[in-house]
Amino acid sequence: MSDVAVQELVQQAIVPAEHLPIYRLEDELLKLPQVDMPVEHTFCNGLYARTMHIPAGTVLTGAVHKDESFFLVRKGNLIVTTDDGTAQIGPGFMSITQANTKRAGVAMTDVEVTTFHANPTNETDPQAIWDMYTVPAPAPAIEAAQYPHLEGKT
């Protein structure tokens, strides 16, 4: 994919420019042995909580969410990308993940994070909830990540 094609994707808002490096990172991470990160799903009336257990040393990326949600670090320390660079966060850190953001991070210790999402239909199928609340990676972003040499960025 040429630099012009990538710029067109960015201009058309198909792929925000700040997401492309993270999609490239994802592509490289998928070439490595994958780490088991158990997920717990908890439900109450109108609310869904998703807790992920991340082993120390794990490099990970987040999904793009359609709506904002709460993000809480329950245990451990990690370094995450932010709009202003990187930040080291730990137990008790809570923020609002804005819609349409994409983040990457590395777990410095064993980590537990929980995200909280509105669930007005009280859906309990985790895959259905995933499909409702996340944005699939656009094919052009995946292609751009898989073929950076075509963009002159090797």
C-alpha atoms as a PDB file:
ATOM      1  CA  MET A   1       0.000   0.000   0.000  1.00  0.00           C
ATOM      2  CA  SER A   2       1.486   3.330  -1.022  1.00  0.00           C
ATOM      3  CA  ASP A   3       1.859   6.398   1.183  1.00  0.00           C
ATOM      4  CA  VAL A   4      -0.837   8.018  -0.968  1.00  0.00           C
ATOM      5  CA  ALA A   5      -3.237   5.116  -0.340  1.00  0.00           C
ATOM      6  CA  VAL A   6      -2.577   5.277   3.403  1.00  0.00           C
ATOM      7  CA  GLN A   7      -3.173   9.045   3.391  1.00  0.00           C
ATOM      8  CA  GLU A   8      -6.462   8.491   1.549  1.00  0.00           C
ATOM      9  CA  LEU A   9      -7.561   6.027   4.251  1.00  0.00           C
ATOM     10  CA  VAL A  10      -6.678   8.550   6.926  1.00  0.00           C
ATOM     11  CA  GLN A  11      -8.411  11.418   5.087  1.00  0.00           C
ATOM     12  CA  GLN A  12     -11.536   9.316   4.571  1.00  0.00           C
ATOM     13  CA  ALA A  13     -11.476   8.570   8.319  1.00  0.00           C
ATOM     14  CA  ILE A  14     -11.444   4.836   7.619  1.00  0.00           C
ATOM     15  CA  VAL A  15      -8.332   4.494   9.747  1.00  0.00           C
ATOM     16  CA  PRO A  16      -7.225   7.281  12.097  1.00  0.00           C
ATOM     17  CA  ALA A  17      -3.527   7.985  11.538  1.00  0.00           C
ATOM     18  CA  GLU A  18      -2.743   7.322  15.213  1.00  0.00           C
ATOM     19  CA  HIS A  19      -4.140   3.786  14.932  1.00  0.00           C
ATOM     20  CA  LEU A  20      -1.833   2.613  12.131  1.00  0.00           C
ATOM     21  CA  PRO A  21       1.263   2.059  14.320  1.00  0.00           C
ATOM     22  CA  ILE A  22      -0.802  -0.030  16.728  1.00  0.00           C
ATOM     23  CA  TYR A  23      -2.220  -2.134  13.891  1.00  0.00           C
ATOM     24  CA  ARG A  24       1.374  -2.672  12.733  1.00  0.00           C
ATOM     25  CA  LEU A  25       2.326  -3.724  16.267  1.00  0.00           C
ATOM     26  CA  GLU A  26      -0.627  -6.146  16.349  1.00  0.00           C
ATOM     27  CA  ASP A  27       0.524  -7.682  13.088  1.00  0.00           C
ATOM     28  CA  GLU A  28       4.000  -8.318  14.543  1.00  0.00           C
ATOM     29  CA  LEU A  29       2.613  -9.632  17.841  1.00  0.00           C
ATOM     30  CA  LEU A  30       0.464 -12.152  15.969  1.00  0.00           C
ATOM     31  CA  LYS A  31       3.665 -13.689  14.600  1.00  0.00           C
ATOM     32  CA  LEU A  32       4.761 -14.571  18.152  1.00  0.00           C
ATOM     33  CA  PRO A  33       3.463 -17.254  20.518  1.00  0.00           C
ATOM     34  CA  GLN A  34       0.204 -15.981  21.994  1.00  0.00           C
ATOM     35  CA  VAL A  35      -0.293 -15.457  25.725  1.00  0.00           C
ATOM     36  CA  ASP A  36      -3.320 -16.767  27.582  1.00  0.00           C
ATOM     37  CA  MET A  37      -5.177 -13.824  29.136  1.00  0.00           C
ATOM     38  CA  PRO A  38      -8.239 -15.214  30.928  1.00  0.00           C
ATOM     39  CA  VAL A  39     -11.323 -13.009  30.830  1.00  0.00           C
ATOM     40  CA  GLU A  40     -14.159 -12.929  33.360  1.00  0.00           C
ATOM     41  CA  HIS A  41     -17.580 -11.591  32.398  1.00  0.00           C
ATOM     42  CA  THR A  42     -19.816 -10.153  35.120  1.00  0.00           C
ATOM     43  CA  PHE A  43     -23.338  -8.814  34.685  1.00  0.00           C
ATOM     44  CA  CYS A  44     -25.842  -6.819  36.688  1.00  0.00           C
ATOM     45  CA  ASN A  45     -28.945  -4.964  35.609  1.00  0.00           C
ATOM     46  CA  GLY A  46     -27.875  -2.622  32.821  1.00  0.00           C
ATOM     47  CA  LEU A  47     -24.135  -3.122  33.288  1.00  0.00           C
ATOM     48  CA  TYR A  48     -21.425  -5.416  31.950  1.00  0.00           C
ATOM     49  CA  ALA A  49     -17.949  -5.727  33.483  1.00  0.00           C
ATOM     50  CA  ARG A  50     -15.105  -7.432  31.619  1.00  0.00           C
ATOM     51  CA  THR A  51     -12.016  -8.348  33.669  1.00  0.00           C
ATOM     52  CA  MET A  52      -8.833  -9.429  31.921  1.00  0.00           C
ATOM     53  CA  HIS A  53      -5.900 -11.130  33.658  1.00  0.00           C
ATOM     54  CA  ILE A  54      -2.635 -10.160  31.938  1.00  0.00           C
ATOM     55  CA  PRO A  55       0.635 -11.959  32.777  1.00  0.00           C
ATOM     56  CA  ALA A  56       3.760  -9.918  33.497  1.00  0.00           C
ATOM     57  CA  GLY A  57       5.792  -9.120  30.393  1.00  0.00           C
ATOM     58  CA  THR A  58       2.816  -9.297  28.032  1.00  0.00           C
ATOM     59  CA  VAL A  59       2.633  -6.739  25.236  1.00  0.00           C
ATOM     60  CA  LEU A  60      -0.973  -6.131  24.242  1.00  0.00           C
ATOM     61  CA  THR A  61      -3.254  -3.906  22.232  1.00  0.00           C
ATOM     62  CA  GLY A  62      -6.821  -2.899  22.854  1.00  0.00           C
ATOM     63  CA  ALA A  63      -9.866  -3.014  20.652  1.00  0.00           C
ATOM     64  CA  VAL A  64     -11.496   0.140  19.348  1.00  0.00           C
ATOM     65  CA  HIS A  65     -14.784   0.658  21.199  1.00  0.00           C
ATOM     66  CA  LYS A  66     -17.875   2.308  19.733  1.00  0.00           C
ATOM     67  CA  ASP A  67     -18.763   4.076  22.987  1.00  0.00           C
ATOM     68  CA  GLU A  68     -16.897   5.356  26.000  1.00  0.00           C
ATOM     69  CA  SER A  69     -16.420   3.041  28.966  1.00  0.00           C
ATOM     70  CA  PHE A  70     -14.736   2.990  32.353  1.00  0.00           C
ATOM     71  CA  PHE A  71     -11.299   1.355  32.633  1.00  0.00           C
ATOM     72  CA  LEU A  72      -9.985   0.311  36.066  1.00  0.00           C
ATOM     73  CA  VAL A  73      -6.636  -1.215  37.023  1.00  0.00           C
ATOM     74  CA  ARG A  74      -7.378  -3.596  39.878  1.00  0.00           C
ATOM     75  CA  LYS A  75      -3.935  -5.143  40.322  1.00  0.00           C
ATOM     76  CA  GLY A  76      -0.417  -4.695  38.966  1.00  0.00           C
ATOM     77  CA  ASN A  77       1.397  -2.100  36.892  1.00  0.00           C
ATOM     78  CA  LEU A  78       1.427  -1.476  33.190  1.00  0.00           C
ATOM     79  CA  ILE A  79       2.659   1.079  30.708  1.00  0.00           C
ATOM     80  CA  VAL A  80       0.064   2.244  28.176  1.00  0.00           C
ATOM     81  CA  THR A  81      -0.028   4.581  25.235  1.00  0.00           C
ATOM     82  CA  THR A  82      -2.006   7.782  25.721  1.00  0.00           C
ATOM     83  CA  ASP A  83      -2.782  10.797  23.574  1.00  0.00           C
ATOM     84  CA  ASP A  84       0.248  12.459  25.198  1.00  0.00           C
ATOM     85  CA  GLY A  85       2.776   9.603  24.937  1.00  0.00           C
ATOM     86  CA  THR A  86       2.959   6.825  27.510  1.00  0.00           C
ATOM     87  CA  ALA A  87       1.925   6.520  31.138  1.00  0.00           C
ATOM     88  CA  GLN A  88       2.694   4.025  33.867  1.00  0.00           C
ATOM     89  CA  ILE A  89      -0.502   3.128  35.711  1.00  0.00           C
ATOM     90  CA  GLY A  90      -1.262   0.866  38.648  1.00  0.00           C
ATOM     91  CA  PRO A  91      -3.867  -0.316  41.144  1.00  0.00           C
ATOM     92  CA  GLY A  92      -6.747   2.078  41.613  1.00  0.00           C
ATOM     93  CA  PHE A  93      -6.132   3.929  38.352  1.00  0.00           C
ATOM     94  CA  MET A  94      -9.465   4.613  36.701  1.00  0.00           C
ATOM     95  CA  SER A  95     -10.216   6.497  33.524  1.00  0.00           C
ATOM     96  CA  ILE A  96     -12.798   6.857  30.823  1.00  0.00           C
ATOM     97  CA  THR A  97     -11.801   5.218  27.571  1.00  0.00           C
ATOM     98  CA  GLN A  98     -13.104   7.480  24.862  1.00  0.00           C
ATOM     99  CA  ALA A  99     -14.909   6.031  21.857  1.00  0.00           C
ATOM    100  CA  ASN A 100     -12.770   5.251  18.802  1.00  0.00           C
ATOM    101  CA  THR A 101      -9.437   5.182  20.619  1.00  0.00           C
ATOM    102  CA  LYS A 102      -6.865   2.422  20.261  1.00  0.00           C
ATOM    103  CA  ARG A 103      -4.166   1.742  22.829  1.00  0.00           C
ATOM    104  CA  ALA A 104      -1.157  -0.504  23.316  1.00  0.00           C
ATOM    105  CA  GLY A 105       0.602  -1.484  26.512  1.00  0.00           C
ATOM    106  CA  VAL A 106       2.981  -3.760  28.337  1.00  0.00           C
ATOM    107  CA  ALA A 107       2.297  -5.441  31.678  1.00  0.00           C
ATOM    108  CA  MET A 108       5.216  -4.779  34.031  1.00  0.00           C
ATOM    109  CA  THR A 109       3.728  -7.181  36.603  1.00  0.00           C
ATOM    110  CA  ASP A 110       0.741  -9.515  36.611  1.00  0.00           C
ATOM    111  CA  VAL A 111      -2.196  -7.212  35.929  1.00  0.00           C
ATOM    112  CA  GLU A 112      -5.975  -7.286  36.302  1.00  0.00           C
ATOM    113  CA  VAL A 113      -7.995  -4.641  34.484  1.00  0.00           C
ATOM    114  CA  THR A 114     -11.755  -4.254  34.312  1.00  0.00           C
ATOM    115  CA  THR A 115     -13.797  -2.298  31.812  1.00  0.00           C
ATOM    116  CA  PHE A 116     -17.388  -1.347  32.554  1.00  0.00           C
ATOM    117  CA  HIS A 117     -19.944  -0.964  29.778  1.00  0.00           C
ATOM    118  CA  ALA A 118     -23.583   0.060  29.655  1.00  0.00           C
ATOM    119  CA  ASN A 119     -25.726  -2.971  28.889  1.00  0.00           C
ATOM    120  CA  PRO A 120     -29.293  -1.672  28.536  1.00  0.00           C
ATOM    121  CA  THR A 121     -30.555  -4.916  26.944  1.00  0.00           C
ATOM    122  CA  ASN A 122     -28.952  -7.071  29.673  1.00  0.00           C
ATOM    123  CA  GLU A 123     -27.194  -9.164  27.042  1.00  0.00           C
ATOM    124  CA  THR A 124     -25.177 -11.995  28.623  1.00  0.00           C
ATOM    125  CA  ASP A 125     -23.466 -13.544  25.597  1.00  0.00           C
ATOM    126  CA  PRO A 126     -19.844 -12.252  25.655  1.00  0.00           C
ATOM    127  CA  GLN A 127     -19.449 -12.541  21.867  1.00  0.00           C
ATOM    128  CA  ALA A 128     -22.666 -10.615  21.241  1.00  0.00           C
ATOM    129  CA  ILE A 129     -21.486  -7.901  23.633  1.00  0.00           C
ATOM    130  CA  TRP A 130     -18.064  -7.804  21.923  1.00  0.00           C
ATOM    131  CA  ASP A 131     -19.783  -7.352  18.571  1.00  0.00           C
ATOM    132  CA  MET A 132     -22.062  -4.613  19.976  1.00  0.00           C
ATOM    133  CA  TYR A 133     -19.309  -2.568  21.602  1.00  0.00           C
ATOM    134  CA  THR A 134     -16.191  -2.937  19.469  1.00  0.00           C
ATOM    135  CA  VAL A 135     -15.245  -1.768  16.006  1.00  0.00           C
ATOM    136  CA  PRO A 136     -13.744  -4.456  13.751  1.00  0.00           C
ATOM    137  CA  ALA A 137     -10.325  -3.577  12.377  1.00  0.00           C
ATOM    138  CA  PRO A 138     -10.892  -2.182   8.904  1.00  0.00           C
ATOM    139  CA  ALA A 139      -9.359  -4.352   6.187  1.00  0.00           C
ATOM    140  CA  PRO A 140      -7.241  -1.455   4.839  1.00  0.00           C
ATOM    141  CA  ALA A 141      -5.645  -1.031   8.273  1.00  0.00           C
ATOM    142  CA  ILE A 142      -4.816  -4.706   8.421  1.00  0.00           C
ATOM    143  CA  GLU A 143      -3.341  -4.531   4.929  1.00  0.00           C
ATOM    144  CA  ALA A 144      -1.298  -1.448   5.819  1.00  0.00           C
ATOM    145  CA  ALA A 145       0.001  -3.245   8.900  1.00  0.00           C
ATOM    146  CA  GLN A 146       0.901  -6.379   6.966  1.00  0.00           C
ATOM    147  CA  TYR A 147       2.722  -4.634   4.141  1.00  0.00           C
ATOM    148  CA  PRO A 148       4.622  -1.627   5.556  1.00  0.00           C
ATOM    149  CA  HIS A 149       7.420  -2.198   3.029  1.00  0.00           C
ATOM    150  CA  LEU A 150       4.973  -1.101   0.335  1.00  0.00           C
ATOM    151  CA  GLU A 151       4.601   2.191   2.149  1.00  0.00           C
ATOM    152  CA  GLY A 152       8.343   2.839   2.165  1.00  0.00           C
ATOM    153  CA  LYS A 153       8.415   2.573   5.973  1.00  0.00           C
ATOM    154  CA  THR A 154      10.670  -0.427   6.549  1.00  0.00           C
END
